[in-house]
Amino acid sequence: MKVNPTGRVRSDNRSDTSTPVAYTPEPWHILEGTSKNAWVIVGESPARGRCQIARAADASSVEECRANASLIAQAPAMHRAGVKLLCAWGTEDAPQAMEELAVILSRAVGR
């Protein structure tokens, strides 16, 4: 293995092409898992139907575990609002974009 100047390790036989990533379309939902201290985050994809995105478990309390799941479930909306804010930064639309992101964040942590 060689270390490149960015500090990331890569194999010699790995190509430099990257694979684009995409979120499973929102909305994502959280469901209570099989144990009291676990929550499952699910999304709905037209191609795959309903699928598990992540599982939040083993936090110090049920409330903390559910809060972590809520934050994960808001990821696509937070990403979309963050990109919108970055694009609107310095324009007259920036305050509206900031408000949209604030609402999404408060929804994520207020559950």
PDB file of N, CA and C in Angstrom:
ATOM      1  N   MET A   1       0.830  -1.181   0.000  1.00  0.00           N
ATOM      2  CA  MET A   1       0.000   0.000   0.000  1.00  0.00           C
ATOM      3  C   MET A   1       0.873   1.241   0.000  1.00  0.00           C
ATOM      4  N   LYS A   2       0.391   2.244  -0.653  1.00  0.00           N
ATOM      5  CA  LYS A   2       1.086   3.530  -0.678  1.00  0.00           C
ATOM      6  C   LYS A   2       0.235   4.567   0.029  1.00  0.00           C
ATOM      7  N   VAL A   3       0.887   5.542   0.583  1.00  0.00           N
ATOM      8  CA  VAL A   3       0.165   6.639   1.207  1.00  0.00           C
ATOM      9  C   VAL A   3       0.245   7.829   0.272  1.00  0.00           C
ATOM     10  N   ASN A   4      -0.902   8.374  -0.067  1.00  0.00           N
ATOM     11  CA  ASN A   4      -0.900   9.523  -0.963  1.00  0.00           C
ATOM     12  C   ASN A   4      -0.754  10.812  -0.154  1.00  0.00           C
ATOM     13  N   PRO A   5      -0.523  11.945  -0.792  1.00  0.00           N
ATOM     14  CA  PRO A   5      -0.290  13.200  -0.066  1.00  0.00           C
ATOM     15  C   PRO A   5      -1.455  13.657   0.811  1.00  0.00           C
ATOM     16  N   THR A   6      -2.653  13.173   0.546  1.00  0.00           N
ATOM     17  CA  THR A   6      -3.796  13.596   1.360  1.00  0.00           C
ATOM     18  C   THR A   6      -3.841  12.859   2.687  1.00  0.00           C
ATOM     19  N   GLY A   7      -3.007  11.832   2.852  1.00  0.00           N
ATOM     20  CA  GLY A   7      -3.003  11.061   4.082  1.00  0.00           C
ATOM     21  C   GLY A   7      -3.919   9.857   4.043  1.00  0.00           C
ATOM     22  N   ARG A   8      -4.634   9.677   2.950  1.00  0.00           N
ATOM     23  CA  ARG A   8      -5.522   8.527   2.827  1.00  0.00           C
ATOM     24  C   ARG A   8      -4.739   7.348   2.279  1.00  0.00           C
ATOM     25  N   VAL A   9      -5.012   6.190   2.838  1.00  0.00           N
ATOM     26  CA  VAL A   9      -4.314   4.984   2.403  1.00  0.00           C
ATOM     27  C   VAL A   9      -5.095   4.354   1.264  1.00  0.00           C
ATOM     28  N   ARG A  10      -4.365   3.914   0.229  1.00  0.00           N
ATOM     29  CA  ARG A  10      -5.046   3.235  -0.869  1.00  0.00           C
ATOM     30  C   ARG A  10      -4.168   2.124  -1.409  1.00  0.00           C
ATOM     31  N   SER A  11      -4.800   1.151  -1.977  1.00  0.00           N
ATOM     32  CA  SER A  11      -4.111   0.023  -2.567  1.00  0.00           C
ATOM     33  C   SER A  11      -3.609   0.407  -3.953  1.00  0.00           C
ATOM     34  N   ASP A  12      -2.486  -0.206  -4.391  1.00  0.00           N
ATOM     35  CA  ASP A  12      -1.941   0.095  -5.716  1.00  0.00           C
ATOM     36  C   ASP A  12      -2.880  -0.293  -6.851  1.00  0.00           C
ATOM     37  N   ASN A  13      -3.682  -1.328  -6.650  1.00  0.00           N
ATOM     38  CA  ASN A  13      -4.532  -1.794  -7.737  1.00  0.00           C
ATOM     39  C   ASN A  13      -5.908  -1.137  -7.723  1.00  0.00           C
ATOM     40  N   ARG A  14      -6.136  -0.193  -6.857  1.00  0.00           N
ATOM     41  CA  ARG A  14      -7.419   0.505  -6.797  1.00  0.00           C
ATOM     42  C   ARG A  14      -7.440   1.646  -7.805  1.00  0.00           C
ATOM     43  N   SER A  15      -8.518   1.729  -8.548  1.00  0.00           N
ATOM     44  CA  SER A  15      -8.608   2.807  -9.539  1.00  0.00           C
ATOM     45  C   SER A  15      -8.965   4.116  -8.848  1.00  0.00           C
ATOM     46  N   ASP A  16      -8.714   5.220  -9.518  1.00  0.00           N
ATOM     47  CA  ASP A  16      -9.006   6.534  -8.981  1.00  0.00           C
ATOM     48  C   ASP A  16     -10.434   6.985  -9.269  1.00  0.00           C
ATOM     49  N   THR A  17     -11.222   6.143  -9.916  1.00  0.00           N
ATOM     50  CA  THR A  17     -12.597   6.530 -10.189  1.00  0.00           C
ATOM     51  C   THR A  17     -13.429   6.340  -8.932  1.00  0.00           C
ATOM     52  N   SER A  18     -14.355   7.238  -8.720  1.00  0.00           N
ATOM     53  CA  SER A  18     -15.198   7.125  -7.543  1.00  0.00           C
ATOM     54  C   SER A  18     -16.614   6.758  -7.958  1.00  0.00           C
ATOM     55  N   THR A  19     -17.311   6.143  -7.050  1.00  0.00           N
ATOM     56  CA  THR A  19     -18.689   5.780  -7.283  1.00  0.00           C
ATOM     57  C   THR A  19     -19.563   6.822  -6.609  1.00  0.00           C
ATOM     58  N   PRO A  20     -20.451   7.455  -7.342  1.00  0.00           N
ATOM     59  CA  PRO A  20     -21.323   8.451  -6.720  1.00  0.00           C
ATOM     60  C   PRO A  20     -22.200   7.800  -5.653  1.00  0.00           C
ATOM     61  N   VAL A  21     -22.473   8.529  -4.604  1.00  0.00           N
ATOM     62  CA  VAL A  21     -23.341   8.017  -3.548  1.00  0.00           C
ATOM     63  C   VAL A  21     -24.642   8.800  -3.566  1.00  0.00           C
ATOM     64  N   ALA A  22     -25.675   8.171  -3.086  1.00  0.00           N
ATOM     65  CA  ALA A  22     -26.976   8.825  -3.027  1.00  0.00           C
ATOM     66  C   ALA A  22     -27.748   8.274  -1.842  1.00  0.00           C
ATOM     67  N   TYR A  23     -28.522   9.137  -1.214  1.00  0.00           N
ATOM     68  CA  TYR A  23     -29.387   8.696  -0.136  1.00  0.00           C
ATOM     69  C   TYR A  23     -30.538   7.878  -0.689  1.00  0.00           C
ATOM     70  N   THR A  24     -31.022   6.933   0.120  1.00  0.00           N
ATOM     71  CA  THR A  24     -32.322   6.353  -0.162  1.00  0.00           C
ATOM     72  C   THR A  24     -33.296   7.519  -0.061  1.00  0.00           C
ATOM     73  N   PRO A  25     -34.217   7.653  -0.992  1.00  0.00           N
ATOM     74  CA  PRO A  25     -35.102   8.819  -0.967  1.00  0.00           C
ATOM     75  C   PRO A  25     -35.784   8.999   0.391  1.00  0.00           C
ATOM     76  N   GLU A  26     -35.945  10.263   0.783  1.00  0.00           N
ATOM     77  CA  GLU A  26     -36.652  10.531   2.029  1.00  0.00           C
ATOM     78  C   GLU A  26     -38.149  10.444   1.789  1.00  0.00           C
ATOM     79  N   PRO A  27     -38.971  10.319   2.770  1.00  0.00           N
ATOM     80  CA  PRO A  27     -38.619  10.427   4.179  1.00  0.00           C
ATOM     81  C   PRO A  27     -38.119   9.102   4.746  1.00  0.00           C
ATOM     82  N   TRP A  28     -37.289   9.206   5.764  1.00  0.00           N
ATOM     83  CA  TRP A  28     -36.864   8.050   6.531  1.00  0.00           C
ATOM     84  C   TRP A  28     -37.696   8.043   7.804  1.00  0.00           C
ATOM     85  N   HIS A  29     -37.954   6.880   8.322  1.00  0.00           N
ATOM     86  CA  HIS A  29     -38.767   6.721   9.524  1.00  0.00           C
ATOM     87  C   HIS A  29     -37.997   5.910  10.555  1.00  0.00           C
ATOM     88  N   ILE A  30     -38.354   6.066  11.819  1.00  0.00           N
ATOM     89  CA  ILE A  30     -37.750   5.215  12.838  1.00  0.00           C
ATOM     90  C   ILE A  30     -38.833   4.293  13.392  1.00  0.00           C
ATOM     91  N   LEU A  31     -38.443   3.066  13.635  1.00  0.00           N
ATOM     92  CA  LEU A  31     -39.330   2.062  14.207  1.00  0.00           C
ATOM     93  C   LEU A  31     -38.651   1.501  15.454  1.00  0.00           C
ATOM     94  N   GLU A  32     -39.436   1.172  16.455  1.00  0.00           N
ATOM     95  CA  GLU A  32     -38.851   0.572  17.648  1.00  0.00           C
ATOM     96  C   GLU A  32     -38.350  -0.819  17.289  1.00  0.00           C
ATOM     97  N   GLY A  33     -37.123  -1.126  17.723  1.00  0.00           N
ATOM     98  CA  GLY A  33     -36.531  -2.429  17.449  1.00  0.00           C
ATOM     99  C   GLY A  33     -37.092  -3.491  18.369  1.00  0.00           C
ATOM    100  N   THR A  34     -36.523  -4.676  18.291  1.00  0.00           N
ATOM    101  CA  THR A  34     -37.021  -5.790  19.086  1.00  0.00           C
ATOM    102  C   THR A  34     -36.657  -5.677  20.558  1.00  0.00           C
ATOM    103  N   SER A  35     -35.585  -4.951  20.879  1.00  0.00           N
ATOM    104  CA  SER A  35     -35.246  -4.736  22.284  1.00  0.00           C
ATOM    105  C   SER A  35     -35.695  -3.337  22.682  1.00  0.00           C
ATOM    106  N   LYS A  36     -35.773  -3.067  23.990  1.00  0.00           N
ATOM    107  CA  LYS A  36     -36.238  -1.768  24.469  1.00  0.00           C
ATOM    108  C   LYS A  36     -35.283  -0.641  24.103  1.00  0.00           C
ATOM    109  N   ASN A  37     -34.022  -0.962  23.910  1.00  0.00           N
ATOM    110  CA  ASN A  37     -33.019   0.081  23.689  1.00  0.00           C
ATOM    111  C   ASN A  37     -32.463   0.010  22.270  1.00  0.00           C
ATOM    112  N   ALA A  38     -33.329  -0.160  21.292  1.00  0.00           N
ATOM    113  CA  ALA A  38     -32.892  -0.193  19.896  1.00  0.00           C
ATOM    114  C   ALA A  38     -33.973   0.412  19.015  1.00  0.00           C
ATOM    115  N   TRP A  39     -33.537   1.178  18.027  1.00  0.00           N
ATOM    116  CA  TRP A  39     -34.443   1.783  17.062  1.00  0.00           C
ATOM    117  C   TRP A  39     -33.890   1.516  15.682  1.00  0.00           C
ATOM    118  N   VAL A  40     -34.765   1.221  14.737  1.00  0.00           N
ATOM    119  CA  VAL A  40     -34.372   0.905  13.370  1.00  0.00           C
ATOM    120  C   VAL A  40     -34.817   2.061  12.480  1.00  0.00           C
ATOM    121  N   ILE A  41     -33.899   2.527  11.643  1.00  0.00           N
ATOM    122  CA  ILE A  41     -34.211   3.603  10.707  1.00  0.00           C
ATOM    123  C   ILE A  41     -34.464   2.947   9.355  1.00  0.00           C
ATOM    124  N   VAL A  42     -35.634   3.193   8.772  1.00  0.00           N
ATOM    125  CA  VAL A  42     -35.994   2.590   7.488  1.00  0.00           C
ATOM    126  C   VAL A  42     -36.270   3.679   6.465  1.00  0.00           C
ATOM    127  N   GLY A  43     -36.033   3.352   5.230  1.00  0.00           N
ATOM    128  CA  GLY A  43     -36.325   4.245   4.123  1.00  0.00           C
ATOM    129  C   GLY A  43     -37.098   3.485   3.063  1.00  0.00           C
ATOM    130  N   GLU A  44     -37.699   4.213   2.154  1.00  0.00           N
ATOM    131  CA  GLU A  44     -38.451   3.594   1.062  1.00  0.00           C
ATOM    132  C   GLU A  44     -37.819   3.989  -0.258  1.00  0.00           C
ATOM    133  N   SER A  45     -37.395   3.013  -1.002  1.00  0.00           N
ATOM    134  CA  SER A  45     -36.768   3.246  -2.291  1.00  0.00           C
ATOM    135  C   SER A  45     -37.656   2.660  -3.383  1.00  0.00           C
ATOM    136  N   PRO A  46     -37.864   3.396  -4.475  1.00  0.00           N
ATOM    137  CA  PRO A  46     -38.664   2.836  -5.566  1.00  0.00           C
ATOM    138  C   PRO A  46     -38.055   1.536  -6.107  1.00  0.00           C
ATOM    139  N   ALA A  47     -36.738   1.438  -6.082  1.00  0.00           N
ATOM    140  CA  ALA A  47     -36.079   0.257  -6.624  1.00  0.00           C
ATOM    141  C   ALA A  47     -36.097  -0.925  -5.649  1.00  0.00           C
ATOM    142  N   ARG A  48     -35.923  -0.643  -4.345  1.00  0.00           N
ATOM    143  CA  ARG A  48     -35.804  -1.733  -3.370  1.00  0.00           C
ATOM    144  C   ARG A  48     -36.985  -1.847  -2.418  1.00  0.00           C
ATOM    145  N   GLY A  49     -37.902  -0.908  -2.451  1.00  0.00           N
ATOM    146  CA  GLY A  49     -39.002  -0.931  -1.495  1.00  0.00           C
ATOM    147  C   GLY A  49     -38.513  -0.473  -0.128  1.00  0.00           C
ATOM    148  N   ARG A  50     -39.145  -0.944   0.918  1.00  0.00           N
ATOM    149  CA  ARG A  50     -38.783  -0.569   2.281  1.00  0.00           C
ATOM    150  C   ARG A  50     -37.511  -1.303   2.693  1.00  0.00           C
ATOM    151  N   CYS A  51     -36.529  -0.566   3.199  1.00  0.00           N
ATOM    152  CA  CYS A  51     -35.273  -1.188   3.591  1.00  0.00           C
ATOM    153  C   CYS A  51     -34.705  -0.525   4.844  1.00  0.00           C
ATOM    154  N   GLN A  52     -33.941  -1.304   5.590  1.00  0.00           N
ATOM    155  CA  GLN A  52     -33.303  -0.783   6.794  1.00  0.00           C
ATOM    156  C   GLN A  52     -32.104   0.071   6.397  1.00  0.00           C
ATOM    157  N   ILE A  53     -32.032   1.295   6.943  1.00  0.00           N
ATOM    158  CA  ILE A  53     -30.918   2.198   6.688  1.00  0.00           C
ATOM    159  C   ILE A  53     -29.857   2.023   7.764  1.00  0.00           C
ATOM    160  N   ALA A  54     -30.306   1.988   9.014  1.00  0.00           N
ATOM    161  CA  ALA A  54     -29.381   1.881  10.140  1.00  0.00           C
ATOM    162  C   ALA A  54     -30.130   1.348  11.353  1.00  0.00           C
ATOM    163  N   ARG A  55     -29.364   1.017  12.391  1.00  0.00           N
ATOM    164  CA  ARG A  55     -29.935   0.574  13.656  1.00  0.00           C
ATOM    165  C   ARG A  55     -29.205   1.302  14.763  1.00  0.00           C
ATOM    166  N   ALA A  56     -29.943   2.040  15.573  1.00  0.00           N
ATOM    167  CA  ALA A  56     -29.358   2.735  16.720  1.00  0.00           C
ATOM    168  C   ALA A  56     -29.642   1.884  17.951  1.00  0.00           C
ATOM    169  N   ALA A  57     -28.592   1.482  18.643  1.00  0.00           N
ATOM    170  CA  ALA A  57     -28.774   0.608  19.802  1.00  0.00           C
ATOM    171  C   ALA A  57     -27.666   0.836  20.820  1.00  0.00           C
ATOM    172  N   ASP A  58     -27.859   0.242  21.972  1.00  0.00           N
ATOM    173  CA  ASP A  58     -26.845   0.189  23.030  1.00  0.00           C
ATOM    174  C   ASP A  58     -26.419   1.547  23.561  1.00  0.00           C
ATOM    175  N   ALA A  59     -27.309   2.515  23.541  1.00  0.00           N
ATOM    176  CA  ALA A  59     -27.017   3.801  24.176  1.00  0.00           C
ATOM    177  C   ALA A  59     -27.255   3.643  25.681  1.00  0.00           C
ATOM    178  N   SER A  60     -26.879   4.645  26.441  1.00  0.00           N
ATOM    179  CA  SER A  60     -27.017   4.539  27.894  1.00  0.00           C
ATOM    180  C   SER A  60     -28.471   4.605  28.355  1.00  0.00           C
ATOM    181  N   SER A  61     -29.371   5.091  27.506  1.00  0.00           N
ATOM    182  CA  SER A  61     -30.789   5.135  27.856  1.00  0.00           C
ATOM    183  C   SER A  61     -31.628   4.985  26.596  1.00  0.00           C
ATOM    184  N   VAL A  62     -32.883   4.640  26.784  1.00  0.00           N
ATOM    185  CA  VAL A  62     -33.813   4.524  25.657  1.00  0.00           C
ATOM    186  C   VAL A  62     -33.978   5.877  24.979  1.00  0.00           C
ATOM    187  N   GLU A  63     -34.044   6.951  25.788  1.00  0.00           N
ATOM    188  CA  GLU A  63     -34.207   8.294  25.235  1.00  0.00           C
ATOM    189  C   GLU A  63     -33.022   8.683  24.353  1.00  0.00           C
ATOM    190  N   GLU A  64     -31.800   8.375  24.811  1.00  0.00           N
ATOM    191  CA  GLU A  64     -30.603   8.690  24.023  1.00  0.00           C
ATOM    192  C   GLU A  64     -30.582   7.892  22.729  1.00  0.00           C
ATOM    193  N   CYS A  65     -30.970   6.652  22.805  1.00  0.00           N
ATOM    194  CA  CYS A  65     -30.999   5.801  21.615  1.00  0.00           C
ATOM    195  C   CYS A  65     -32.019   6.336  20.601  1.00  0.00           C
ATOM    196  N   ARG A  66     -33.202   6.729  21.081  1.00  0.00           N
ATOM    197  CA  ARG A  66     -34.219   7.267  20.175  1.00  0.00           C
ATOM    198  C   ARG A  66     -33.764   8.597  19.582  1.00  0.00           C
ATOM    199  N   ALA A  67     -33.086   9.427  20.374  1.00  0.00           N
ATOM    200  CA  ALA A  67     -32.580  10.703  19.861  1.00  0.00           C
ATOM    201  C   ALA A  67     -31.555  10.461  18.754  1.00  0.00           C
ATOM    202  N   ASN A  68     -30.677   9.486  18.941  1.00  0.00           N
ATOM    203  CA  ASN A  68     -29.698   9.155  17.902  1.00  0.00           C
ATOM    204  C   ASN A  68     -30.407   8.688  16.630  1.00  0.00           C
ATOM    205  N   ALA A  69     -31.428   7.869  16.796  1.00  0.00           N
ATOM    206  CA  ALA A  69     -32.187   7.388  15.634  1.00  0.00           C
ATOM    207  C   ALA A  69     -32.877   8.549  14.924  1.00  0.00           C
ATOM    208  N   SER A  70     -33.410   9.502  15.693  1.00  0.00           N
ATOM    209  CA  SER A  70     -34.072  10.657  15.090  1.00  0.00           C
ATOM    210  C   SER A  70     -33.098  11.493  14.272  1.00  0.00           C
ATOM    211  N   LEU A  71     -31.895  11.683  14.783  1.00  0.00           N
ATOM    212  CA  LEU A  71     -30.881  12.434  14.035  1.00  0.00           C
ATOM    213  C   LEU A  71     -30.526  11.729  12.733  1.00  0.00           C
ATOM    214  N   ILE A  72     -30.354  10.415  12.800  1.00  0.00           N
ATOM    215  CA  ILE A  72     -30.023   9.654  11.584  1.00  0.00           C
ATOM    216  C   ILE A  72     -31.166   9.760  10.577  1.00  0.00           C
ATOM    217  N   ALA A  73     -32.399   9.657  11.057  1.00  0.00           N
ATOM    218  CA  ALA A  73     -33.555   9.692  10.158  1.00  0.00           C
ATOM    219  C   ALA A  73     -33.702  11.038   9.456  1.00  0.00           C
ATOM    220  N   GLN A  74     -33.168  12.096  10.037  1.00  0.00           N
ATOM    221  CA  GLN A  74     -33.259  13.428   9.428  1.00  0.00           C
ATOM    222  C   GLN A  74     -32.092  13.720   8.472  1.00  0.00           C
ATOM    223  N   ALA A  75     -31.161  12.792   8.328  1.00  0.00           N
ATOM    224  CA  ALA A  75     -29.959  13.030   7.513  1.00  0.00           C
ATOM    225  C   ALA A  75     -30.249  13.524   6.096  1.00  0.00           C
ATOM    226  N   PRO A  76     -31.140  12.897   5.326  1.00  0.00           N
ATOM    227  CA  PRO A  76     -31.369  13.393   3.963  1.00  0.00           C
ATOM    228  C   PRO A  76     -31.931  14.810   3.938  1.00  0.00           C
ATOM    229  N   ALA A  77     -32.848  15.110   4.855  1.00  0.00           N
ATOM    230  CA  ALA A  77     -33.429  16.447   4.894  1.00  0.00           C
ATOM    231  C   ALA A  77     -32.387  17.482   5.319  1.00  0.00           C
ATOM    232  N   MET A  78     -31.539  17.119   6.305  1.00  0.00           N
ATOM    233  CA  MET A  78     -30.485  18.045   6.735  1.00  0.00           C
ATOM    234  C   MET A  78     -29.501  18.300   5.605  1.00  0.00           C
ATOM    235  N   HIS A  79     -29.155  17.250   4.874  1.00  0.00           N
ATOM    236  CA  HIS A  79     -28.223  17.393   3.754  1.00  0.00           C
ATOM    237  C   HIS A  79     -28.807  18.310   2.691  1.00  0.00           C
ATOM    238  N   ARG A  80     -30.060  18.068   2.323  1.00  0.00           N
ATOM    239  CA  ARG A  80     -30.723  18.888   1.299  1.00  0.00           C
ATOM    240  C   ARG A  80     -30.780  20.349   1.734  1.00  0.00           C
ATOM    241  N   ALA A  81     -31.175  20.591   2.989  1.00  0.00           N
ATOM    242  CA  ALA A  81     -31.271  21.961   3.482  1.00  0.00           C
ATOM    243  C   ALA A  81     -29.893  22.623   3.591  1.00  0.00           C
ATOM    244  N   GLY A  82     -28.877  21.856   3.962  1.00  0.00           N
ATOM    245  CA  GLY A  82     -27.521  22.403   4.038  1.00  0.00           C
ATOM    246  C   GLY A  82     -26.994  22.813   2.676  1.00  0.00           C
ATOM    247  N   VAL A  83     -27.239  21.980   1.669  1.00  0.00           N
ATOM    248  CA  VAL A  83     -26.819  22.320   0.304  1.00  0.00           C
ATOM    249  C   VAL A  83     -27.561  23.558  -0.179  1.00  0.00           C
ATOM    250  N   LYS A  84     -28.853  23.628   0.101  1.00  0.00           N
ATOM    251  CA  LYS A  84     -29.641  24.793  -0.293  1.00  0.00           C
ATOM    252  C   LYS A  84     -29.092  26.060   0.365  1.00  0.00           C
ATOM    253  N   LEU A  85     -28.730  25.966   1.657  1.00  0.00           N
ATOM    254  CA  LEU A  85     -28.173  27.120   2.366  1.00  0.00           C
ATOM    255  C   LEU A  85     -26.838  27.540   1.760  1.00  0.00           C
ATOM    256  N   LEU A  86     -25.981  26.581   1.462  1.00  0.00           N
ATOM    257  CA  LEU A  86     -24.690  26.922   0.852  1.00  0.00           C
ATOM    258  C   LEU A  86     -24.864  27.604  -0.499  1.00  0.00           C
ATOM    259  N   CYS A  87     -25.839  27.137  -1.268  1.00  0.00           N
ATOM    260  CA  CYS A  87     -26.091  27.752  -2.576  1.00  0.00           C
ATOM    261  C   CYS A  87     -26.686  29.152  -2.434  1.00  0.00           C
ATOM    262  N   ALA A  88     -27.446  29.379  -1.374  1.00  0.00           N
ATOM    263  CA  ALA A  88     -28.113  30.670  -1.191  1.00  0.00           C
ATOM    264  C   ALA A  88     -27.284  31.656  -0.371  1.00  0.00           C
ATOM    265  N   TRP A  89     -26.167  31.188   0.192  1.00  0.00           N
ATOM    266  CA  TRP A  89     -25.363  32.041   1.070  1.00  0.00           C
ATOM    267  C   TRP A  89     -24.993  33.349   0.358  1.00  0.00           C
ATOM    268  N   GLY A  90     -25.197  34.460   1.036  1.00  0.00           N
ATOM    269  CA  GLY A  90     -24.864  35.756   0.470  1.00  0.00           C
ATOM    270  C   GLY A  90     -25.937  36.335  -0.431  1.00  0.00           C
ATOM    271  N   THR A  91     -27.067  35.653  -0.527  1.00  0.00           N
ATOM    272  CA  THR A  91     -28.168  36.163  -1.344  1.00  0.00           C
ATOM    273  C   THR A  91     -29.347  36.498  -0.436  1.00  0.00           C
ATOM    274  N   GLU A  92     -30.374  37.075  -1.021  1.00  0.00           N
ATOM    275  CA  GLU A  92     -31.565  37.412  -0.231  1.00  0.00           C
ATOM    276  C   GLU A  92     -32.346  36.179   0.199  1.00  0.00           C
ATOM    277  N   ASP A  93     -32.042  35.011  -0.394  1.00  0.00           N
ATOM    278  CA  ASP A  93     -32.717  33.761  -0.028  1.00  0.00           C
ATOM    279  C   ASP A  93     -32.062  33.050   1.151  1.00  0.00           C
ATOM    280  N   ALA A  94     -30.909  33.523   1.602  1.00  0.00           N
ATOM    281  CA  ALA A  94     -30.185  32.860   2.685  1.00  0.00           C
ATOM    282  C   ALA A  94     -30.983  32.762   3.984  1.00  0.00           C
ATOM    283  N   PRO A  95     -31.665  33.820   4.440  1.00  0.00           N
ATOM    284  CA  PRO A  95     -32.427  33.691   5.691  1.00  0.00           C
ATOM    285  C   PRO A  95     -33.498  32.602   5.634  1.00  0.00           C
ATOM    286  N   GLN A  96     -34.173  32.489   4.508  1.00  0.00           N
ATOM    287  CA  GLN A  96     -35.191  31.452   4.357  1.00  0.00           C
ATOM    288  C   GLN A  96     -34.548  30.064   4.401  1.00  0.00           C
ATOM    289  N   ALA A  97     -33.394  29.900   3.752  1.00  0.00           N
ATOM    290  CA  ALA A  97     -32.692  28.618   3.764  1.00  0.00           C
ATOM    291  C   ALA A  97     -32.202  28.284   5.169  1.00  0.00           C
ATOM    292  N   MET A  98     -31.745  29.298   5.913  1.00  0.00           N
ATOM    293  CA  MET A  98     -31.309  29.079   7.292  1.00  0.00           C
ATOM    294  C   MET A  98     -32.487  28.638   8.158  1.00  0.00           C
ATOM    295  N   GLU A  99     -33.624  29.246   7.953  1.00  0.00           N
ATOM    296  CA  GLU A  99     -34.824  28.887   8.724  1.00  0.00           C
ATOM    297  C   GLU A  99     -35.242  27.451   8.423  1.00  0.00           C
ATOM    298  N   GLU A 100     -35.186  27.058   7.162  1.00  0.00           N
ATOM    299  CA  GLU A 100     -35.544  25.683   6.789  1.00  0.00           C
ATOM    300  C   GLU A 100     -34.633  24.681   7.493  1.00  0.00           C
ATOM    301  N   LEU A 101     -33.327  24.956   7.487  1.00  0.00           N
ATOM    302  CA  LEU A 101     -32.385  24.068   8.159  1.00  0.00           C
ATOM    303  C   LEU A 101     -32.634  24.053   9.663  1.00  0.00           C
ATOM    304  N   ALA A 102     -32.928  25.199  10.261  1.00  0.00           N
ATOM    305  CA  ALA A 102     -33.198  25.270  11.699  1.00  0.00           C
ATOM    306  C   ALA A 102     -34.427  24.444  12.073  1.00  0.00           C
ATOM    307  N   VAL A 103     -35.464  24.486  11.258  1.00  0.00           N
ATOM    308  CA  VAL A 103     -36.677  23.707  11.525  1.00  0.00           C
ATOM    309  C   VAL A 103     -36.371  22.211  11.484  1.00  0.00           C
ATOM    310  N   ILE A 104     -35.598  21.793  10.493  1.00  0.00           N
ATOM    311  CA  ILE A 104     -35.238  20.381  10.368  1.00  0.00           C
ATOM    312  C   ILE A 104     -34.398  19.923  11.562  1.00  0.00           C
ATOM    313  N   LEU A 105     -33.439  20.750  11.954  1.00  0.00           N
ATOM    314  CA  LEU A 105     -32.599  20.399  13.112  1.00  0.00           C
ATOM    315  C   LEU A 105     -33.420  20.334  14.387  1.00  0.00           C
ATOM    316  N   SER A 106     -34.320  21.274  14.587  1.00  0.00           N
ATOM    317  CA  SER A 106     -35.135  21.249  15.799  1.00  0.00           C
ATOM    318  C   SER A 106     -36.064  20.053  15.819  1.00  0.00           C
ATOM    319  N   ARG A 107     -36.555  19.650  14.662  1.00  0.00           N
ATOM    320  CA  ARG A 107     -37.384  18.461  14.566  1.00  0.00           C
ATOM    321  C   ARG A 107     -36.574  17.205  14.913  1.00  0.00           C
ATOM    322  N   ALA A 108     -35.322  17.180  14.482  1.00  0.00           N
ATOM    323  CA  ALA A 108     -34.473  16.017  14.725  1.00  0.00           C
ATOM    324  C   ALA A 108     -34.137  15.862  16.204  1.00  0.00           C
ATOM    325  N   VAL A 109     -33.885  16.943  16.890  1.00  0.00           N
ATOM    326  CA  VAL A 109     -33.482  16.850  18.304  1.00  0.00           C
ATOM    327  C   VAL A 109     -34.642  17.025  19.268  1.00  0.00           C
ATOM    328  N   GLY A 110     -35.789  17.431  18.755  1.00  0.00           N
ATOM    329  CA  GLY A 110     -36.918  17.678  19.622  1.00  0.00           C
ATOM    330  C   GLY A 110     -37.851  16.498  19.826  1.00  0.00           C
ATOM    331  N   ARG A 111     -37.543  15.387  19.260  1.00  0.00           N
ATOM    332  CA  ARG A 111     -38.443  14.218  19.376  1.00  0.00           C
ATOM    333  C   ARG A 111     -38.340  13.569  20.708  1.00  0.00           C
TER     334      ARG A 111
END
